[in-house]
C-alpha atoms as a PDB file:
ATOM      1  CA  MET A   1    -107.127  76.288  83.039  1.00  0.00           C
ATOM      2  CA  SER A   2    -106.713  78.110  86.137  1.00  0.00           C
ATOM      3  CA  SER A   3    -103.033  78.512  87.273  1.00  0.00           C
ATOM      4  CA  ASN A   4    -103.819  77.227  91.026  1.00  0.00           C
ATOM      5  CA  ALA A   5    -106.395  74.205  89.429  1.00  0.00           C
ATOM      6  CA  PRO A   6    -105.738  70.837  91.840  1.00  0.00           C
ATOM      7  CA  VAL A   7    -104.942  67.567  90.639  1.00  0.00           C
ATOM      8  CA  ILE A   8    -107.499  65.168  92.263  1.00  0.00           C
ATOM      9  CA  ALA A   9    -107.047  61.743  93.442  1.00  0.00           C
ATOM     10  CA  ALA A  10    -110.155  59.928  93.303  1.00  0.00           C
ATOM     11  CA  VAL A  11    -109.478  57.215  96.175  1.00  0.00           C
ATOM     12  CA  ASP A  12    -111.273  54.158  97.920  1.00  0.00           C
ATOM     13  CA  GLY A  13    -109.081  52.359  99.985  1.00  0.00           C
ATOM     14  CA  SER A  14    -108.242  49.891  97.615  1.00  0.00           C
ATOM     15  CA  GLU A  15    -104.953  48.951  96.216  1.00  0.00           C
ATOM     16  CA  HIS A  16    -105.870  50.116  92.608  1.00  0.00           C
ATOM     17  CA  SER A  17    -106.424  53.838  94.208  1.00  0.00           C
ATOM     18  CA  LEU A  18    -103.226  53.669  96.154  1.00  0.00           C
ATOM     19  CA  VAL A  19    -101.367  53.666  92.763  1.00  0.00           C
ATOM     20  CA  ALA A  20    -103.838  56.493  91.673  1.00  0.00           C
ATOM     21  CA  LEU A  21    -102.902  58.293  94.663  1.00  0.00           C
ATOM     22  CA  GLN A  22     -99.373  58.048  94.185  1.00  0.00           C
ATOM     23  CA  TRP A  23     -99.292  59.006  90.339  1.00  0.00           C
ATOM     24  CA  ALA A  24    -101.501  61.728  91.387  1.00  0.00           C
ATOM     25  CA  ARG A  25     -99.039  62.895  94.039  1.00  0.00           C
ATOM     26  CA  GLY A  26     -96.144  63.026  91.373  1.00  0.00           C
ATOM     27  CA  ALA A  27     -98.360  64.968  88.998  1.00  0.00           C
ATOM     28  CA  ALA A  28     -99.066  67.474  91.733  1.00  0.00           C
ATOM     29  CA  LEU A  29     -95.331  67.924  92.292  1.00  0.00           C
ATOM     30  CA  ARG A  30     -94.383  68.070  88.726  1.00  0.00           C
ATOM     31  CA  HIS A  31     -97.039  71.121  88.139  1.00  0.00           C
ATOM     32  CA  GLY A  32     -96.600  72.840  91.119  1.00  0.00           C
ATOM     33  CA  ALA A  33    -100.225  72.279  92.166  1.00  0.00           C
ATOM     34  CA  GLU A  34    -102.527  71.128  95.295  1.00  0.00           C
ATOM     35  CA  LEU A  35    -103.074  67.726  95.868  1.00  0.00           C
ATOM     36  CA  LEU A  36    -106.889  67.294  96.556  1.00  0.00           C
ATOM     37  CA  ILE A  37    -107.906  63.913  97.525  1.00  0.00           C
ATOM     38  CA  ALA A  38    -111.398  62.819  97.053  1.00  0.00           C
ATOM     39  CA  HIS A  39    -113.334  59.821  98.564  1.00  0.00           C
ATOM     40  CA  VAL A  40    -117.013  59.326  97.694  1.00  0.00           C
ATOM     41  CA  LEU A  41    -118.597  58.162 101.270  1.00  0.00           C
ATOM     42  CA  PRO A  42    -120.043  54.480 100.691  1.00  0.00           C
ATOM     43  CA  ASP A  43    -123.999  54.457 100.483  1.00  0.00           C
ATOM     44  CA  HIS A  44    -124.263  53.070 104.257  1.00  0.00           C
ATOM     45  CA  ALA A  45    -122.228  56.011 105.374  1.00  0.00           C
ATOM     46  CA  GLN A  46    -124.602  58.571 103.325  1.00  0.00           C
ATOM     47  CA  LEU A  47    -127.586  56.783 104.830  1.00  0.00           C
ATOM     48  CA  TYR A  48    -126.186  57.479 108.379  1.00  0.00           C
ATOM     49  CA  ALA A  49    -125.505  61.152 107.724  1.00  0.00           C
ATOM     50  CA  GLY A  50    -129.283  61.730 106.598  1.00  0.00           C
ATOM     51  CA  ARG A  51    -131.095  59.454 109.086  1.00  0.00           C
ATOM     52  CA  ARG A  52    -129.013  61.712 111.828  1.00  0.00           C
ATOM     53  CA  ALA A  53    -129.816  65.004 109.805  1.00  0.00           C
ATOM     54  CA  SER A  54    -133.354  64.121 109.899  1.00  0.00           C
ATOM     55  CA  LEU A  55    -133.700  62.332 113.225  1.00  0.00           C
ATOM     56  CA  HIS A  56    -131.853  65.458 115.094  1.00  0.00           C
ATOM     57  CA  ASP A  57    -130.349  63.043 117.584  1.00  0.00           C
ATOM     58  CA  ALA A  58    -127.301  64.916 119.702  1.00  0.00           C
ATOM     59  CA  ARG A  59    -126.256  61.516 120.810  1.00  0.00           C
ATOM     60  CA  GLN A  60    -125.114  60.120 117.654  1.00  0.00           C
ATOM     61  CA  PRO A  61    -121.300  61.247 116.459  1.00  0.00           C
ATOM     62  CA  ASP A  62    -121.288  64.065 113.985  1.00  0.00           C
ATOM     63  CA  GLU A  63    -119.694  62.314 110.939  1.00  0.00           C
ATOM     64  CA  PHE A  64    -119.829  58.522 110.492  1.00  0.00           C
ATOM     65  CA  ALA A  65    -116.168  56.563 110.653  1.00  0.00           C
ATOM     66  CA  ASP A  66    -114.402  57.451 107.439  1.00  0.00           C
ATOM     67  CA  PRO A  67    -111.337  54.642 107.705  1.00  0.00           C
ATOM     68  CA  VAL A  68    -110.533  55.555 104.095  1.00  0.00           C
ATOM     69  CA  GLY A  69    -109.707  58.903 105.288  1.00  0.00           C
ATOM     70  CA  ASP A  70    -107.525  57.679 108.045  1.00  0.00           C
ATOM     71  CA  TRP A  71    -105.914  55.428 105.320  1.00  0.00           C
ATOM     72  CA  VAL A  72    -104.881  58.492 103.127  1.00  0.00           C
ATOM     73  CA  ARG A  73    -103.466  59.966 106.026  1.00  0.00           C
ATOM     74  CA  GLY A  74    -101.232  57.278 107.252  1.00  0.00           C
ATOM     75  CA  VAL A  75    -100.156  56.177 103.445  1.00  0.00           C
ATOM     76  CA  LEU A  76     -99.266  60.217 102.664  1.00  0.00           C
ATOM     77  CA  GLY A  77     -97.443  60.269 106.640  1.00  0.00           C
ATOM     78  CA  ALA A  78     -95.093  57.163 105.636  1.00  0.00           C
ATOM     79  CA  GLY A  79     -94.542  58.508 101.868  1.00  0.00           C
ATOM     80  CA  PRO A  80     -92.301  60.443 100.278  1.00  0.00           C
ATOM     81  CA  ALA A  81     -92.605  64.838  99.237  1.00  0.00           C
ATOM     82  CA  LEU A  82     -95.783  66.187  99.361  1.00  0.00           C
ATOM     83  CA  PRO A  83     -97.134  69.050  97.220  1.00  0.00           C
ATOM     84  CA  GLU A  84     -97.197  72.212  99.111  1.00  0.00           C
ATOM     85  CA  GLY A  85    -100.890  71.760  99.531  1.00  0.00           C
ATOM     86  CA  VAL A  86    -102.960  68.656 100.112  1.00  0.00           C
ATOM     87  CA  ARG A  87    -106.786  68.367 101.065  1.00  0.00           C
ATOM     88  CA  TYR A  88    -108.891  65.643 101.753  1.00  0.00           C
ATOM     89  CA  GLU A  89    -112.548  65.628 101.117  1.00  0.00           C
ATOM     90  CA  SER A  90    -115.304  63.039 101.912  1.00  0.00           C
ATOM     91  CA  LEU A  91    -118.532  63.297  99.320  1.00  0.00           C
ATOM     92  CA  GLU A  92    -121.910  62.449  98.947  1.00  0.00           C
ATOM     93  CA  GLY A  93    -123.993  61.123  95.768  1.00  0.00           C
ATOM     94  CA  SER A  94    -123.172  58.693  93.143  1.00  0.00           C
ATOM     95  CA  VAL A  95    -119.262  58.293  92.277  1.00  0.00           C
ATOM     96  CA  PRO A  96    -119.449  60.132  88.841  1.00  0.00           C
ATOM     97  CA  GLU A  97    -121.839  62.763  89.783  1.00  0.00           C
ATOM     98  CA  ALA A  98    -119.676  63.377  92.853  1.00  0.00           C
ATOM     99  CA  LEU A  99    -116.558  63.232  91.068  1.00  0.00           C
ATOM    100  CA  ARG A 100    -118.101  65.387  87.877  1.00  0.00           C
ATOM    101  CA  VAL A 101    -118.636  68.032  90.412  1.00  0.00           C
ATOM    102  CA  ILE A 102    -115.603  68.399  92.265  1.00  0.00           C
ATOM    103  CA  GLY A 103    -113.760  68.170  89.406  1.00  0.00           C
ATOM    104  CA  SER A 104    -114.920  71.149  87.933  1.00  0.00           C
ATOM    105  CA  GLY A 105    -111.992  73.722  87.141  1.00  0.00           C
ATOM    106  CA  ALA A 106    -109.345  71.117  88.000  1.00  0.00           C
ATOM    107  CA  LEU A 107    -106.171  70.437  86.321  1.00  0.00           C
ATOM    108  CA  MET A 108    -106.921  66.648  86.060  1.00  0.00           C
ATOM    109  CA  LEU A 109    -108.699  63.978  88.127  1.00  0.00           C
ATOM    110  CA  VAL A 110    -106.656  60.939  88.804  1.00  0.00           C
ATOM    111  CA  MET A 111    -107.984  57.309  89.658  1.00  0.00           C
ATOM    112  CA  GLY A 112    -107.681  53.657  89.129  1.00  0.00           C
ATOM    113  CA  SER A 113    -108.770  51.593  86.542  1.00  0.00           C
ATOM    114  CA  ARG A 114    -110.756  49.130  89.273  1.00  0.00           C
ATOM    115  CA  GLY A 115    -111.766  49.978  92.670  1.00  0.00           C
ATOM    116  CA  ARG A 116    -112.933  47.337  95.296  1.00  0.00           C
ATOM    117  CA  GLY A 117    -116.154  46.149  94.003  1.00  0.00           C
ATOM    118  CA  GLY A 118    -114.486  45.105  90.489  1.00  0.00           C
ATOM    119  CA  PHE A 119    -113.699  41.418  89.116  1.00  0.00           C
ATOM    120  CA  ALA A 120    -109.982  40.315  88.855  1.00  0.00           C
ATOM    121  CA  SER A 121    -110.813  39.886  85.328  1.00  0.00           C
ATOM    122  CA  LEU A 122    -112.048  43.273  84.046  1.00  0.00           C
ATOM    123  CA  LEU A 123    -109.757  46.057  82.581  1.00  0.00           C
ATOM    124  CA  LEU A 124    -111.646  48.839  83.641  1.00  0.00           C
ATOM    125  CA  GLY A 125    -114.347  49.268  86.710  1.00  0.00           C
ATOM    126  CA  SER A 126    -117.853  50.946  85.717  1.00  0.00           C
ATOM    127  CA  SER A 127    -117.164  53.577  87.937  1.00  0.00           C
ATOM    128  CA  SER A 128    -113.893  54.650  85.926  1.00  0.00           C
ATOM    129  CA  ARG A 129    -115.879  54.480  82.888  1.00  0.00           C
ATOM    130  CA  ALA A 130    -118.401  56.724  83.802  1.00  0.00           C
ATOM    131  CA  VAL A 131    -115.852  59.267  85.238  1.00  0.00           C
ATOM    132  CA  ALA A 132    -113.917  59.203  82.044  1.00  0.00           C
ATOM    133  CA  SER A 133    -116.883  59.862  80.058  1.00  0.00           C
ATOM    134  CA  THR A 134    -118.546  62.559  81.557  1.00  0.00           C
ATOM    135  CA  ALA A 135    -115.770  64.817  84.034  1.00  0.00           C
ATOM    136  CA  PRO A 136    -115.336  68.115  82.955  1.00  0.00           C
ATOM    137  CA  CYS A 137    -111.378  68.125  83.160  1.00  0.00           C
ATOM    138  CA  PRO A 138    -108.873  65.476  82.161  1.00  0.00           C
ATOM    139  CA  VAL A 139    -109.252  62.122  83.213  1.00  0.00           C
ATOM    140  CA  VAL A 140    -106.045  60.291  84.004  1.00  0.00           C
ATOM    141  CA  VAL A 141    -106.699  56.307  84.272  1.00  0.00           C
ATOM    142  CA  VAL A 142    -103.956  54.194  86.353  1.00  0.00           C
ATOM    143  CA  PRO A 143    -104.425  50.445  85.232  1.00  0.00           C
ATOM    144  CA  HIS A 144    -104.228  48.098  88.127  1.00  0.00           C
ATOM    145  CA  ALA A 145    -101.949  45.686  86.131  1.00  0.00           C
ATOM    146  CA  GLU A 146     -98.671  48.231  85.708  1.00  0.00           C
ATOM    147  CA  ARG A 147     -96.481  46.649  83.435  1.00  0.00           C
ATOM    148  CA  HIS A 148     -93.706  49.070  83.784  1.00  0.00           C
ATOM    149  CA  ALA A 149     -93.522  49.257  87.519  1.00  0.00           C
ATOM    150  CA  ALA A 150     -90.058  50.640  87.541  1.00  0.00           C
ATOM    151  CA  ALA A 151     -90.717  53.936  85.436  1.00  0.00           C
ATOM    152  CA  ALA A 152     -93.679  54.215  87.776  1.00  0.00           C
ATOM    153  CA  ASN A 153     -91.780  53.851  91.091  1.00  0.00           C
ATOM    154  CA  ALA A 154     -89.053  55.842  89.846  1.00  0.00           C
ATOM    155  CA  ALA A 155     -91.995  59.142  89.415  1.00  0.00           C
ATOM    156  CA  ALA A 156     -93.506  58.220  92.760  1.00  0.00           C
ATOM    157  CA  ASN A 157     -90.503  58.791  94.381  1.00  0.00           C
ATOM    158  CA  ALA A 158     -89.390  61.925  92.885  1.00  0.00           C
ATOM    159  CA  THR A 159     -88.677  64.247  95.620  1.00  0.00           C
ATOM    160  CA  THR A 160     -88.813  67.270  93.239  1.00  0.00           C
ATOM    161  CA  ALA A 161     -90.789  68.677  90.427  1.00  0.00           C
ATOM    162  CA  SER A 162     -88.096  69.063  88.206  1.00  0.00           C
ATOM    163  CA  GLU A 163     -86.934  65.660  88.097  1.00  0.00           C
ATOM    164  CA  PRO A 164     -87.721  63.609  84.469  1.00  0.00           C
ATOM    165  CA  SER A 165     -90.068  60.830  84.339  1.00  0.00           C
ATOM    166  CA  ALA A 166     -89.459  57.838  82.220  1.00  0.00           C
ATOM    167  CA  GLY A 167     -90.513  57.548  78.951  1.00  0.00           C
ATOM    168  CA  ARG A 168     -92.542  59.600  76.327  1.00  0.00           C
ATOM    169  CA  VAL A 169     -95.919  61.281  76.365  1.00  0.00           C
ATOM    170  CA  VAL A 170     -97.825  59.674  73.561  1.00  0.00           C
ATOM    171  CA  LEU A 171    -100.467  61.731  71.706  1.00  0.00           C
ATOM    172  CA  GLY A 172    -103.160  59.889  69.397  1.00  0.00           C
ATOM    173  CA  LEU A 173    -103.995  62.670  66.868  1.00  0.00           C
ATOM    174  CA  HIS A 174    -106.332  63.319  64.279  1.00  0.00           C
ATOM    175  CA  ALA A 175    -104.861  66.044  62.506  1.00  0.00           C
ATOM    176  CA  ALA A 176    -108.206  68.117  61.297  1.00  0.00           C
ATOM    177  CA  GLU A 177    -110.707  67.120  64.348  1.00  0.00           C
ATOM    178  CA  THR A 178    -108.437  66.711  67.819  1.00  0.00           C
ATOM    179  CA  PRO A 179    -109.282  69.337  69.729  1.00  0.00           C
ATOM    180  CA  ASP A 180    -106.716  71.993  70.639  1.00  0.00           C
ATOM    181  CA  ASP A 181    -107.641  71.140  74.433  1.00  0.00           C
ATOM    182  CA  VAL A 182    -105.749  67.566  73.714  1.00  0.00           C
ATOM    183  CA  LEU A 183    -102.701  68.586  72.401  1.00  0.00           C
ATOM    184  CA  SER A 184    -102.208  71.376  74.915  1.00  0.00           C
ATOM    185  CA  PHE A 185    -102.397  68.709  77.765  1.00  0.00           C
ATOM    186  CA  ALA A 186     -99.858  66.489  76.100  1.00  0.00           C
ATOM    187  CA  PHE A 187     -97.446  68.829  75.914  1.00  0.00           C
ATOM    188  CA  ALA A 188     -97.740  70.531  79.006  1.00  0.00           C
ATOM    189  CA  GLU A 189     -97.390  67.173  80.520  1.00  0.00           C
ATOM    190  CA  ALA A 190     -94.218  66.691  78.248  1.00  0.00           C
ATOM    191  CA  ALA A 191     -92.891  70.023  79.364  1.00  0.00           C
ATOM    192  CA  VAL A 192     -93.122  69.139  82.965  1.00  0.00           C
ATOM    193  CA  ARG A 193     -91.478  65.792  82.817  1.00  0.00           C
ATOM    194  CA  GLY A 194     -88.616  66.891  80.395  1.00  0.00           C
ATOM    195  CA  THR A 195     -89.466  64.316  78.012  1.00  0.00           C
ATOM    196  CA  THR A 196     -90.489  63.751  74.464  1.00  0.00           C
ATOM    197  CA  VAL A 197     -94.110  64.038  73.003  1.00  0.00           C
ATOM    198  CA  GLN A 198     -94.648  61.295  70.152  1.00  0.00           C
ATOM    199  CA  VAL A 199     -97.563  62.009  67.983  1.00  0.00           C
ATOM    200  CA  VAL A 200     -99.247  58.801  66.391  1.00  0.00           C
ATOM    201  CA  SER A 201    -101.904  59.371  63.721  1.00  0.00           C
ATOM    202  CA  ALA A 202    -103.558  56.487  61.467  1.00  0.00           C
ATOM    203  CA  TYR A 203    -104.345  56.801  57.788  1.00  0.00           C
ATOM    204  CA  THR A 204    -106.590  54.693  55.895  1.00  0.00           C
ATOM    205  CA  VAL A 205    -105.045  52.467  53.110  1.00  0.00           C
ATOM    206  CA  PRO A 206    -106.916  49.965  50.477  1.00  0.00           C
ATOM    207  CA  PRO A 207    -106.175  46.513  51.370  1.00  0.00           C
ATOM    208  CA  ALA A 208    -103.650  44.945  49.206  1.00  0.00           C
ATOM    209  CA  PRO A 209    -102.066  41.254  49.191  1.00  0.00           C
ATOM    210  CA  ALA A 210     -98.575  42.647  49.650  1.00  0.00           C
ATOM    211  CA  LEU A 211     -99.827  45.079  52.681  1.00  0.00           C
ATOM    212  CA  VAL A 212     -98.379  44.067  55.984  1.00  0.00           C
ATOM    213  CA  ILE A 213    -100.510  44.977  58.846  1.00  0.00           C
ATOM    214  CA  ASP A 214     -98.405  44.226  61.442  1.00  0.00           C
ATOM    215  CA  ARG A 215     -95.209  46.358  60.092  1.00  0.00           C
ATOM    216  CA  PRO A 216     -94.002  48.348  63.052  1.00  0.00           C
ATOM    217  CA  PHE A 217     -94.434  52.122  62.591  1.00  0.00           C
ATOM    218  CA  GLU A 218     -91.495  54.442  61.649  1.00  0.00           C
ATOM    219  CA  VAL A 219     -90.890  57.742  63.486  1.00  0.00           C
ATOM    220  CA  ILE A 220     -89.971  60.388  61.296  1.00  0.00           C
ATOM    221  CA  PRO A 221     -88.787  64.023  62.154  1.00  0.00           C
ATOM    222  CA  PRO A 222     -90.354  66.899  60.227  1.00  0.00           C
ATOM    223  CA  GLU A 223     -86.704  67.441  58.317  1.00  0.00           C
ATOM    224  CA  GLY A 224     -87.597  63.974  57.019  1.00  0.00           C
ATOM    225  CA  LEU A 225     -90.463  65.045  54.907  1.00  0.00           C
ATOM    226  CA  ALA A 226     -88.747  65.830  51.321  1.00  0.00           C
ATOM    227  CA  ASP A 227     -90.774  65.393  48.566  1.00  0.00           C
ATOM    228  CA  GLU A 228     -88.464  62.584  47.477  1.00  0.00           C
ATOM    229  CA  GLY A 229     -88.976  60.476  50.665  1.00  0.00           C
ATOM    230  CA  ASP A 230     -89.837  56.570  50.484  1.00  0.00           C
ATOM    231  CA  ALA A 231     -93.258  56.958  52.356  1.00  0.00           C
ATOM    232  CA  VAL A 232     -96.239  55.896  50.748  1.00  0.00           C
ATOM    233  CA  PRO A 233     -98.636  59.053  49.641  1.00  0.00           C
ATOM    234  CA  ALA A 234    -101.287  58.885  52.660  1.00  0.00           C
ATOM    235  CA  GLU A 235     -98.449  58.415  55.135  1.00  0.00           C
ATOM    236  CA  ARG A 236     -96.609  61.539  53.867  1.00  0.00           C
ATOM    237  CA  GLU A 237     -99.759  63.451  53.604  1.00  0.00           C
ATOM    238  CA  MET A 238    -100.994  62.521  57.071  1.00  0.00           C
ATOM    239  CA  LEU A 239     -97.242  63.509  58.678  1.00  0.00           C
ATOM    240  CA  ARG A 240     -97.437  66.725  56.922  1.00  0.00           C
ATOM    241  CA  SER A 241    -101.255  67.276  58.526  1.00  0.00           C
ATOM    242  CA  GLN A 242     -99.598  66.554  61.703  1.00  0.00           C
ATOM    243  CA  THR A 243     -97.022  69.206  61.232  1.00  0.00           C
ATOM    244  CA  GLU A 244     -98.943  71.764  60.165  1.00  0.00           C
ATOM    245  CA  ARG A 245    -101.236  70.615  63.320  1.00  0.00           C
ATOM    246  CA  LEU A 246     -98.055  70.751  65.542  1.00  0.00           C
ATOM    247  CA  ALA A 247     -96.465  73.877  64.641  1.00  0.00           C
ATOM    248  CA  PRO A 248     -98.185  76.168  67.427  1.00  0.00           C
ATOM    249  CA  LEU A 249     -97.567  73.853  70.192  1.00  0.00           C
ATOM    250  CA  ARG A 250     -93.727  73.503  68.975  1.00  0.00           C
ATOM    251  CA  THR A 251     -93.634  77.356  69.135  1.00  0.00           C
ATOM    252  CA  ARG A 252     -95.398  77.380  72.470  1.00  0.00           C
ATOM    253  CA  TYR A 253     -93.554  74.389  74.015  1.00  0.00           C
ATOM    254  CA  PRO A 254     -89.811  75.400  71.789  1.00  0.00           C
ATOM    255  CA  ASP A 255     -88.171  72.712  74.729  1.00  0.00           C
ATOM    256  CA  VAL A 256     -90.057  69.886  74.148  1.00  0.00           C
ATOM    257  CA  PRO A 257     -88.748  67.483  71.437  1.00  0.00           C
ATOM    258  CA  VAL A 258     -91.190  65.814  68.795  1.00  0.00           C
ATOM    259  CA  GLU A 259     -91.761  62.833  67.512  1.00  0.00           C
ATOM    260  CA  GLN A 260     -94.112  62.319  64.461  1.00  0.00           C
ATOM    261  CA  ALA A 261     -95.746  58.773  63.174  1.00  0.00           C
ATOM    262  CA  ALA A 262     -97.812  57.871  60.731  1.00  0.00           C
ATOM    263  CA  VAL A 263     -99.386  54.381  61.110  1.00  0.00           C
ATOM    264  CA  PRO A 264    -101.836  52.225  58.190  1.00  0.00           C
ATOM    265  CA  GLY A 265    -105.121  51.375  59.747  1.00  0.00           C
ATOM    266  CA  ASP A 266    -106.028  51.243  63.768  1.00  0.00           C
ATOM    267  CA  ALA A 267    -104.797  54.078  65.533  1.00  0.00           C
ATOM    268  CA  ALA A 268    -106.556  52.488  68.916  1.00  0.00           C
ATOM    269  CA  GLY A 269    -104.252  49.547  68.192  1.00  0.00           C
ATOM    270  CA  ARG A 270    -100.744  51.556  68.373  1.00  0.00           C
ATOM    271  CA  LEU A 271    -101.619  53.417  70.996  1.00  0.00           C
ATOM    272  CA  VAL A 272    -101.738  50.451  73.132  1.00  0.00           C
ATOM    273  CA  ASP A 273     -98.736  49.180  71.683  1.00  0.00           C
ATOM    274  CA  ALA A 274     -97.096  52.456  72.192  1.00  0.00           C
ATOM    275  CA  SER A 275     -98.370  52.472  76.018  1.00  0.00           C
ATOM    276  CA  ARG A 276     -95.969  49.437  76.999  1.00  0.00           C
ATOM    277  CA  SER A 277     -92.864  51.691  77.313  1.00  0.00           C
ATOM    278  CA  ALA A 278     -94.694  55.789  77.737  1.00  0.00           C
ATOM    279  CA  ALA A 279     -95.273  57.807  80.815  1.00  0.00           C
ATOM    280  CA  LEU A 280     -99.097  58.472  79.569  1.00  0.00           C
ATOM    281  CA  VAL A 281    -100.814  58.046  76.596  1.00  0.00           C
ATOM    282  CA  VAL A 282    -103.216  60.999  76.089  1.00  0.00           C
ATOM    283  CA  VAL A 283    -106.409  61.044  73.685  1.00  0.00           C
ATOM    284  CA  GLY A 284    -109.817  62.543  73.548  1.00  0.00           C
ATOM    285  CA  ARG A 285    -112.255  61.833  75.003  1.00  0.00           C
ATOM    286  CA  HIS A 286    -115.198  62.440  72.296  1.00  0.00           C
ATOM    287  CA  HIS A 287    -115.829  60.993  68.635  1.00  0.00           C
ATOM    288  CA  PRO A 288    -114.615  63.797  66.505  1.00  0.00           C
ATOM    289  CA  ARG A 289    -117.482  64.413  65.025  1.00  0.00           C
ATOM    290  CA  ARG A 290    -119.718  64.364  67.894  1.00  0.00           C
ATOM    291  CA  THR A 291    -120.376  67.621  70.223  1.00  0.00           C
ATOM    292  CA  ALA A 292    -118.326  68.467  73.788  1.00  0.00           C
ATOM    293  CA  MET A 293    -121.689  67.683  75.422  1.00  0.00           C
ATOM    294  CA  SER A 294    -121.860  64.104  74.061  1.00  0.00           C
ATOM    295  CA  LEU A 295    -121.838  61.713  76.362  1.00  0.00           C
ATOM    296  CA  GLN A 296    -120.790  58.559  74.605  1.00  0.00           C
ATOM    297  CA  ILE A 297    -116.925  58.160  74.541  1.00  0.00           C
ATOM    298  CA  GLY A 298    -114.833  57.770  70.969  1.00  0.00           C
ATOM    299  CA  SER A 299    -114.212  54.503  70.230  1.00  0.00           C
ATOM    300  CA  VAL A 300    -110.120  55.237  69.941  1.00  0.00           C
ATOM    301  CA  ALA A 301    -110.536  56.595  73.819  1.00  0.00           C
ATOM    302  CA  HIS A 302    -112.906  53.743  74.741  1.00  0.00           C
ATOM    303  CA  ALA A 303    -110.375  50.896  73.371  1.00  0.00           C
ATOM    304  CA  VAL A 304    -107.347  52.776  74.635  1.00  0.00           C
ATOM    305  CA  LEU A 305    -108.747  52.747  78.159  1.00  0.00           C
ATOM    306  CA  HIS A 306    -109.728  48.840  77.870  1.00  0.00           C
ATOM    307  CA  HIS A 307    -106.520  47.777  76.860  1.00  0.00           C
ATOM    308  CA  ALA A 308    -103.646  49.993  77.559  1.00  0.00           C
ATOM    309  CA  HIS A 309    -100.305  48.964  79.842  1.00  0.00           C
ATOM    310  CA  GLY A 310     -99.912  52.208  81.442  1.00  0.00           C
ATOM    311  CA  PRO A 311    -101.463  55.321  82.262  1.00  0.00           C
ATOM    312  CA  VAL A 312    -104.179  57.134  79.971  1.00  0.00           C
ATOM    313  CA  ALA A 313    -105.825  60.748  79.667  1.00  0.00           C
ATOM    314  CA  ILE A 314    -108.983  60.948  78.647  1.00  0.00           C
ATOM    315  CA  VAL A 315    -109.167  64.911  77.686  1.00  0.00           C
ATOM    316  CA  PRO A 316    -112.816  66.295  76.953  1.00  0.00           C
ATOM    317  CA  THR A 317    -113.362  69.289  74.672  1.00  0.00           C
ATOM    318  CA  LEU A 318    -114.110  72.033  76.836  1.00  0.00           C
ATOM    319  CA  LYS A 319    -116.123  73.948  74.535  1.00  0.00           C
ATOM    320  CA  ASP A 320    -117.923  73.098  71.234  1.00  0.00           C
ATOM    321  CA  ASP A 321    -116.149  74.085  67.736  1.00  0.00           C
ATOM    322  CA  VAL A 322    -117.689  76.937  66.050  1.00  0.00           C
END
């Protein structure tokens, strides 16, 4: 990713996109990146522009009024510190396609979980789901029902990029198959936040009457993986696989603390639970056995997007494995 890649905030004038805008502002400050605020014009504005261009009517205004642009400028003007570079762009086309195009080369694209057209009962709007499934860059979806407002407000009101944010970065990891892009994104986020990466992996266990499905997962440091430990064999093997896979990231980010957790059964459920106190949950976009160009989002990413209590980053595979 280019060192001058922007953080993009997708807005539509709704309260949900205001939360996303503030989250994106904080991310741009932390990364020292430009903030690009993008709004896809509604259909009637796009029709007006097309009609004016076809009729060449000089009596009509050059541009259709864009109240969202005025709203954004008002919000940013009254808010806390801004990144050094801030741009606003009005886009045409469908929301997923317009954001897919502008997202090429972005550090991340941040959007709310629902827009103006969403029903209150929906956890994830159709546009958010489509963008998370197709954008060429990591997509951070900020939920409309933020359950840890204090942590979110602390991050939004930070005045310098060096101020740490509350909570860990939680990484959902399939040790054998999660692409490197996903791990790199999680560690980079933890580094700029000055926080810990908590790595969560699930292992399969045979059903047994004595198995307590909902036992809380244990966080085990690498030094606790001696042969005489008490972990069940499947858990110990998972932790060893994690340790091996994380070694290059530990070398690249020596100052980022790492916690490892292996849990039985349902990875998505554990990640949703962890999202209650996390600054960010990071998962890969695709099912591990699908190609990078697949448009079907993986089951874990799908479940976490729909049920997480905090921001979720869906990270695509930038290239197919060879």
